[in-house]
């Protein structure tokens, strides 16, 4: 009797285990787990089941194409939030947008921000990381925010910390660059920028 009573529970547990494996596979395929440019472009548009605005951490972004670096000093209006030394990276899809001014779906941009350390000898060095900001282009998924999704990851963290009101703030700020498809950084014709080679993992 006891053995018979356990049979349905074991069957249910087996079904649940299979569902968990399938779900894990879907999440892995939909995140930024693979770092090749092609895989990253596909992964960039993945959705989280509980929040359609959530973006996953862009693993391997530092191997993408470096677009530019910049320094925001005290006295700038954005210093409190973005002060320091930043580097901007783009995946292969986003390079098309820099060339044409229109970023296709699957474009991913990363803004990697560090403290700027004054070494006292008239030089500035890169200090500890402050945070990483991410933009992902998907005209359908992010239609309400100009076609771009936004995320921010604190130093050492892999969980997007932006709240909906903050994402709206990002979109409102980037809307000032509508003529450049909501992107502040620019393509330089003399940069010689070429697509990053495919990564072999």
C-alpha atoms as a PDB file:
ATOM      1  CA  UNK A   1       0.000   0.000   0.000  1.00  0.00           C
ATOM      2  CA  UNK A   2       2.754   2.430   0.985  1.00  0.00           C
ATOM      3  CA  UNK A   3       4.705   1.586  -2.162  1.00  0.00           C
ATOM      4  CA  UNK A   4       1.646   2.187  -4.324  1.00  0.00           C
ATOM      5  CA  UNK A   5       1.027   5.525  -2.606  1.00  0.00           C
ATOM      6  CA  UNK A   6       4.525   6.665  -3.506  1.00  0.00           C
ATOM      7  CA  UNK A   7       4.240   5.867  -7.218  1.00  0.00           C
ATOM      8  CA  UNK A   8       2.284   9.025  -8.231  1.00  0.00           C
ATOM      9  CA  UNK A   9       4.654  11.223  -6.225  1.00  0.00           C
ATOM     10  CA  UNK A  10       7.693   9.699  -7.937  1.00  0.00           C
ATOM     11  CA  UNK A  11       6.086  10.237 -11.320  1.00  0.00           C
ATOM     12  CA  UNK A  12       5.377  13.857 -10.430  1.00  0.00           C
ATOM     13  CA  UNK A  13       8.938  14.322  -9.267  1.00  0.00           C
ATOM     14  CA  UNK A  14      10.245  12.867 -12.548  1.00  0.00           C
ATOM     15  CA  UNK A  15       8.086  15.251 -14.569  1.00  0.00           C
ATOM     16  CA  UNK A  16       9.249  18.186 -12.451  1.00  0.00           C
ATOM     17  CA  UNK A  17      12.880  17.175 -12.902  1.00  0.00           C
ATOM     18  CA  UNK A  18      12.493  17.000 -16.674  1.00  0.00           C
ATOM     19  CA  UNK A  19      10.760  20.391 -16.681  1.00  0.00           C
ATOM     20  CA  UNK A  20      13.589  21.892 -14.626  1.00  0.00           C
ATOM     21  CA  UNK A  21      16.219  20.551 -17.037  1.00  0.00           C
ATOM     22  CA  UNK A  22      14.323  21.916 -20.030  1.00  0.00           C
ATOM     23  CA  UNK A  23      13.814  25.282 -18.337  1.00  0.00           C
ATOM     24  CA  UNK A  24      17.505  25.474 -17.442  1.00  0.00           C
ATOM     25  CA  UNK A  25      18.427  24.789 -21.042  1.00  0.00           C
ATOM     26  CA  UNK A  26      16.100  27.519 -22.262  1.00  0.00           C
ATOM     27  CA  UNK A  27      17.547  30.042 -19.817  1.00  0.00           C
ATOM     28  CA  UNK A  28      21.108  29.144 -20.757  1.00  0.00           C
ATOM     29  CA  UNK A  29      20.291  29.503 -24.433  1.00  0.00           C
ATOM     30  CA  UNK A  30      18.503  32.775 -23.859  1.00  0.00           C
ATOM     31  CA  UNK A  31      21.124  34.509 -21.737  1.00  0.00           C
ATOM     32  CA  UNK A  32      24.628  35.776 -22.455  1.00  0.00           C
ATOM     33  CA  UNK A  33      26.214  32.443 -21.523  1.00  0.00           C
ATOM     34  CA  UNK A  34      27.987  32.063 -24.874  1.00  0.00           C
ATOM     35  CA  UNK A  35      30.471  34.767 -25.743  1.00  0.00           C
ATOM     36  CA  UNK A  36      30.835  34.557 -29.535  1.00  0.00           C
ATOM     37  CA  UNK A  37      29.475  37.642 -31.346  1.00  0.00           C
ATOM     38  CA  UNK A  38      26.813  35.630 -33.164  1.00  0.00           C
ATOM     39  CA  UNK A  39      25.647  33.888 -29.985  1.00  0.00           C
ATOM     40  CA  UNK A  40      25.770  37.107 -27.997  1.00  0.00           C
ATOM     41  CA  UNK A  41      23.591  38.875 -30.557  1.00  0.00           C
ATOM     42  CA  UNK A  42      20.955  36.157 -30.307  1.00  0.00           C
ATOM     43  CA  UNK A  43      21.266  36.005 -26.527  1.00  0.00           C
ATOM     44  CA  UNK A  44      20.803  39.741 -26.159  1.00  0.00           C
ATOM     45  CA  UNK A  45      17.104  39.555 -26.969  1.00  0.00           C
ATOM     46  CA  UNK A  46      16.289  36.830 -24.469  1.00  0.00           C
ATOM     47  CA  UNK A  47      13.507  37.500 -21.979  1.00  0.00           C
ATOM     48  CA  UNK A  48      13.276  36.589 -18.316  1.00  0.00           C
ATOM     49  CA  UNK A  49      10.004  34.845 -17.516  1.00  0.00           C
ATOM     50  CA  UNK A  50       9.159  37.101 -14.579  1.00  0.00           C
ATOM     51  CA  UNK A  51      10.054  40.454 -16.158  1.00  0.00           C
ATOM     52  CA  UNK A  52      10.119  41.172 -19.881  1.00  0.00           C
ATOM     53  CA  UNK A  53      12.440  44.133 -19.272  1.00  0.00           C
ATOM     54  CA  UNK A  54      15.156  42.165 -17.478  1.00  0.00           C
ATOM     55  CA  UNK A  55      18.492  41.809 -19.272  1.00  0.00           C
ATOM     56  CA  UNK A  56      21.148  39.287 -18.397  1.00  0.00           C
ATOM     57  CA  UNK A  57      24.792  40.068 -17.733  1.00  0.00           C
ATOM     58  CA  UNK A  58      26.800  40.313 -21.005  1.00  0.00           C
ATOM     59  CA  UNK A  59      29.438  37.663 -20.338  1.00  0.00           C
ATOM     60  CA  UNK A  60      32.536  38.158 -22.481  1.00  0.00           C
ATOM     61  CA  UNK A  61      31.777  41.759 -23.503  1.00  0.00           C
ATOM     62  CA  UNK A  62      35.381  42.888 -23.011  1.00  0.00           C
ATOM     63  CA  UNK A  63      36.288  40.735 -26.041  1.00  0.00           C
ATOM     64  CA  UNK A  64      33.891  42.716 -28.236  1.00  0.00           C
ATOM     65  CA  UNK A  65      34.967  45.802 -30.177  1.00  0.00           C
ATOM     66  CA  UNK A  66      36.129  48.718 -28.041  1.00  0.00           C
ATOM     67  CA  UNK A  67      34.391  51.843 -29.364  1.00  0.00           C
ATOM     68  CA  UNK A  68      35.854  54.574 -27.159  1.00  0.00           C
ATOM     69  CA  UNK A  69      36.863  55.642 -23.673  1.00  0.00           C
ATOM     70  CA  UNK A  70      36.050  58.826 -21.812  1.00  0.00           C
ATOM     71  CA  UNK A  71      36.598  60.629 -18.535  1.00  0.00           C
ATOM     72  CA  UNK A  72      33.854  62.455 -16.618  1.00  0.00           C
ATOM     73  CA  UNK A  73      35.338  64.822 -14.042  1.00  0.00           C
ATOM     74  CA  UNK A  74      33.855  66.594 -11.000  1.00  0.00           C
ATOM     75  CA  UNK A  75      31.734  69.545 -12.071  1.00  0.00           C
ATOM     76  CA  UNK A  76      29.931  67.633 -14.828  1.00  0.00           C
ATOM     77  CA  UNK A  77      26.159  67.302 -14.350  1.00  0.00           C
ATOM     78  CA  UNK A  78      26.404  63.504 -14.556  1.00  0.00           C
ATOM     79  CA  UNK A  79      29.388  63.138 -12.227  1.00  0.00           C
ATOM     80  CA  UNK A  80      27.504  61.723  -9.218  1.00  0.00           C
ATOM     81  CA  UNK A  81      26.250  58.753 -11.212  1.00  0.00           C
ATOM     82  CA  UNK A  82      28.740  58.436 -14.056  1.00  0.00           C
ATOM     83  CA  UNK A  83      31.883  60.166 -12.834  1.00  0.00           C
ATOM     84  CA  UNK A  84      35.116  58.381 -13.635  1.00  0.00           C
ATOM     85  CA  UNK A  85      36.730  56.588 -16.551  1.00  0.00           C
ATOM     86  CA  UNK A  86      34.444  54.635 -18.893  1.00  0.00           C
ATOM     87  CA  UNK A  87      34.942  52.281 -21.812  1.00  0.00           C
ATOM     88  CA  UNK A  88      32.262  51.469 -24.393  1.00  0.00           C
ATOM     89  CA  UNK A  89      32.089  48.073 -26.093  1.00  0.00           C
ATOM     90  CA  UNK A  90      29.840  46.927 -28.952  1.00  0.00           C
ATOM     91  CA  UNK A  91      28.986  43.494 -30.255  1.00  0.00           C
ATOM     92  CA  UNK A  92      29.350  42.747 -33.976  1.00  0.00           C
ATOM     93  CA  UNK A  93      25.704  43.580 -34.726  1.00  0.00           C
ATOM     94  CA  UNK A  94      26.006  47.013 -33.125  1.00  0.00           C
ATOM     95  CA  UNK A  95      28.909  47.939 -35.405  1.00  0.00           C
ATOM     96  CA  UNK A  96      26.420  48.122 -38.271  1.00  0.00           C
ATOM     97  CA  UNK A  97      24.536  50.756 -36.291  1.00  0.00           C
ATOM     98  CA  UNK A  98      27.647  52.848 -35.741  1.00  0.00           C
ATOM     99  CA  UNK A  99      28.274  52.844 -39.480  1.00  0.00           C
ATOM    100  CA  UNK A 100      24.708  53.573 -40.589  1.00  0.00           C
ATOM    101  CA  UNK A 101      23.196  55.465 -37.644  1.00  0.00           C
ATOM    102  CA  UNK A 102      20.464  52.838 -37.301  1.00  0.00           C
ATOM    103  CA  UNK A 103      21.132  49.944 -34.912  1.00  0.00           C
ATOM    104  CA  UNK A 104      19.574  46.603 -35.890  1.00  0.00           C
ATOM    105  CA  UNK A 105      17.868  44.275 -33.444  1.00  0.00           C
ATOM    106  CA  UNK A 106      20.447  42.253 -31.534  1.00  0.00           C
ATOM    107  CA  UNK A 107      22.796  45.219 -31.054  1.00  0.00           C
ATOM    108  CA  UNK A 108      24.358  45.288 -27.593  1.00  0.00           C
ATOM    109  CA  UNK A 109      26.345  48.177 -26.097  1.00  0.00           C
ATOM    110  CA  UNK A 110      28.212  48.035 -22.789  1.00  0.00           C
ATOM    111  CA  UNK A 111      29.325  51.056 -20.744  1.00  0.00           C
ATOM    112  CA  UNK A 112      32.009  49.882 -18.298  1.00  0.00           C
ATOM    113  CA  UNK A 113      32.633  52.529 -15.619  1.00  0.00           C
ATOM    114  CA  UNK A 114      35.623  52.768 -13.268  1.00  0.00           C
ATOM    115  CA  UNK A 115      36.750  55.259 -10.652  1.00  0.00           C
ATOM    116  CA  UNK A 116      39.418  57.626 -11.914  1.00  0.00           C
ATOM    117  CA  UNK A 117      42.405  57.596  -9.572  1.00  0.00           C
ATOM    118  CA  UNK A 118      44.641  60.643  -9.414  1.00  0.00           C
ATOM    119  CA  UNK A 119      48.168  59.305  -8.939  1.00  0.00           C
ATOM    120  CA  UNK A 120      49.489  62.703  -7.902  1.00  0.00           C
ATOM    121  CA  UNK A 121      52.044  62.955 -10.696  1.00  0.00           C
ATOM    122  CA  UNK A 122      49.804  64.604 -13.285  1.00  0.00           C
ATOM    123  CA  UNK A 123      48.435  61.214 -14.397  1.00  0.00           C
ATOM    124  CA  UNK A 124      45.040  59.581 -13.965  1.00  0.00           C
ATOM    125  CA  UNK A 125      44.766  55.816 -13.578  1.00  0.00           C
ATOM    126  CA  UNK A 126      41.858  53.400 -13.766  1.00  0.00           C
ATOM    127  CA  UNK A 127      40.576  52.571 -10.300  1.00  0.00           C
ATOM    128  CA  UNK A 128      37.978  50.079  -9.040  1.00  0.00           C
ATOM    129  CA  UNK A 129      34.946  49.349 -11.210  1.00  0.00           C
ATOM    130  CA  UNK A 130      31.788  51.281 -10.314  1.00  0.00           C
ATOM    131  CA  UNK A 131      29.179  49.572 -12.463  1.00  0.00           C
ATOM    132  CA  UNK A 132      28.345  48.250 -15.920  1.00  0.00           C
ATOM    133  CA  UNK A 133      25.456  49.625 -17.989  1.00  0.00           C
ATOM    134  CA  UNK A 134      23.983  47.654 -20.886  1.00  0.00           C
ATOM    135  CA  UNK A 135      21.752  48.591 -23.838  1.00  0.00           C
ATOM    136  CA  UNK A 136      20.082  45.928 -25.983  1.00  0.00           C
ATOM    137  CA  UNK A 137      18.207  46.731 -29.206  1.00  0.00           C
ATOM    138  CA  UNK A 138      14.889  44.997 -29.840  1.00  0.00           C
ATOM    139  CA  UNK A 139      12.287  47.187 -31.540  1.00  0.00           C
ATOM    140  CA  UNK A 140       9.410  44.879 -30.606  1.00  0.00           C
ATOM    141  CA  UNK A 141      10.293  43.991 -27.047  1.00  0.00           C
ATOM    142  CA  UNK A 142      11.353  47.515 -26.077  1.00  0.00           C
ATOM    143  CA  UNK A 143       8.993  49.538 -28.266  1.00  0.00           C
ATOM    144  CA  UNK A 144       7.948  51.674 -25.290  1.00  0.00           C
ATOM    145  CA  UNK A 145      11.547  52.826 -24.685  1.00  0.00           C
ATOM    146  CA  UNK A 146      12.664  53.684 -28.206  1.00  0.00           C
ATOM    147  CA  UNK A 147      13.558  50.128 -29.126  1.00  0.00           C
ATOM    148  CA  UNK A 148      16.259  49.778 -26.467  1.00  0.00           C
ATOM    149  CA  UNK A 149      16.303  47.839 -23.212  1.00  0.00           C
ATOM    150  CA  UNK A 150      18.473  49.045 -20.332  1.00  0.00           C
ATOM    151  CA  UNK A 151      20.232  47.337 -17.427  1.00  0.00           C
ATOM    152  CA  UNK A 152      22.816  48.192 -14.792  1.00  0.00           C
ATOM    153  CA  UNK A 153      25.046  45.811 -12.863  1.00  0.00           C
ATOM    154  CA  UNK A 154      26.902  46.886  -9.725  1.00  0.00           C
ATOM    155  CA  UNK A 155      30.591  45.962  -9.570  1.00  0.00           C
ATOM    156  CA  UNK A 156      30.929  42.232  -9.001  1.00  0.00           C
ATOM    157  CA  UNK A 157      27.189  41.593  -9.423  1.00  0.00           C
ATOM    158  CA  UNK A 158      25.311  39.704 -12.160  1.00  0.00           C
ATOM    159  CA  UNK A 159      21.788  40.855 -11.265  1.00  0.00           C
ATOM    160  CA  UNK A 160      20.260  43.862 -13.029  1.00  0.00           C
ATOM    161  CA  UNK A 161      19.550  46.451 -10.343  1.00  0.00           C
ATOM    162  CA  UNK A 162      17.474  48.935 -12.344  1.00  0.00           C
ATOM    163  CA  UNK A 163      13.870  49.496 -11.326  1.00  0.00           C
ATOM    164  CA  UNK A 164      11.227  50.318 -13.962  1.00  0.00           C
ATOM    165  CA  UNK A 165      11.299  54.038 -13.149  1.00  0.00           C
ATOM    166  CA  UNK A 166      15.083  54.062 -13.605  1.00  0.00           C
ATOM    167  CA  UNK A 167      14.817  52.297 -16.971  1.00  0.00           C
ATOM    168  CA  UNK A 168      12.333  54.951 -18.029  1.00  0.00           C
ATOM    169  CA  UNK A 169      14.873  57.575 -16.950  1.00  0.00           C
ATOM    170  CA  UNK A 170      17.547  55.953 -19.112  1.00  0.00           C
ATOM    171  CA  UNK A 171      15.192  55.960 -22.083  1.00  0.00           C
ATOM    172  CA  UNK A 172      14.236  59.609 -21.522  1.00  0.00           C
ATOM    173  CA  UNK A 173      17.879  60.664 -21.428  1.00  0.00           C
ATOM    174  CA  UNK A 174      18.802  58.670 -24.542  1.00  0.00           C
ATOM    175  CA  UNK A 175      15.772  60.074 -26.378  1.00  0.00           C
ATOM    176  CA  UNK A 176      17.787  63.275 -26.768  1.00  0.00           C
ATOM    177  CA  UNK A 177      19.904  61.298 -29.268  1.00  0.00           C
ATOM    178  CA  UNK A 178      16.970  60.222 -31.429  1.00  0.00           C
ATOM    179  CA  UNK A 179      18.810  61.269 -34.595  1.00  0.00           C
ATOM    180  CA  UNK A 180      21.484  58.687 -33.707  1.00  0.00           C
ATOM    181  CA  UNK A 181      19.008  55.943 -32.731  1.00  0.00           C
ATOM    182  CA  UNK A 182      19.203  56.840 -29.008  1.00  0.00           C
ATOM    183  CA  UNK A 183      22.992  56.284 -28.817  1.00  0.00           C
ATOM    184  CA  UNK A 184      25.395  58.933 -27.467  1.00  0.00           C
ATOM    185  CA  UNK A 185      28.699  57.498 -28.694  1.00  0.00           C
ATOM    186  CA  UNK A 186      29.606  58.169 -32.321  1.00  0.00           C
ATOM    187  CA  UNK A 187      31.272  56.416 -35.222  1.00  0.00           C
ATOM    188  CA  UNK A 188      34.519  58.059 -36.285  1.00  0.00           C
ATOM    189  CA  UNK A 189      35.350  57.695 -39.938  1.00  0.00           C
ATOM    190  CA  UNK A 190      39.055  57.801 -39.145  1.00  0.00           C
ATOM    191  CA  UNK A 191      38.876  55.138 -36.452  1.00  0.00           C
ATOM    192  CA  UNK A 192      39.430  52.175 -38.759  1.00  0.00           C
ATOM    193  CA  UNK A 193      36.846  50.309 -36.723  1.00  0.00           C
ATOM    194  CA  UNK A 194      36.267  46.809 -38.048  1.00  0.00           C
ATOM    195  CA  UNK A 195      34.004  44.001 -36.828  1.00  0.00           C
ATOM    196  CA  UNK A 196      35.489  41.930 -34.021  1.00  0.00           C
ATOM    197  CA  UNK A 197      36.611  38.472 -35.160  1.00  0.00           C
ATOM    198  CA  UNK A 198      34.446  35.514 -34.160  1.00  0.00           C
ATOM    199  CA  UNK A 199      35.486  34.106 -30.799  1.00  0.00           C
ATOM    200  CA  UNK A 200      36.469  30.457 -30.619  1.00  0.00           C
ATOM    201  CA  UNK A 201      35.540  29.145 -27.180  1.00  0.00           C
END
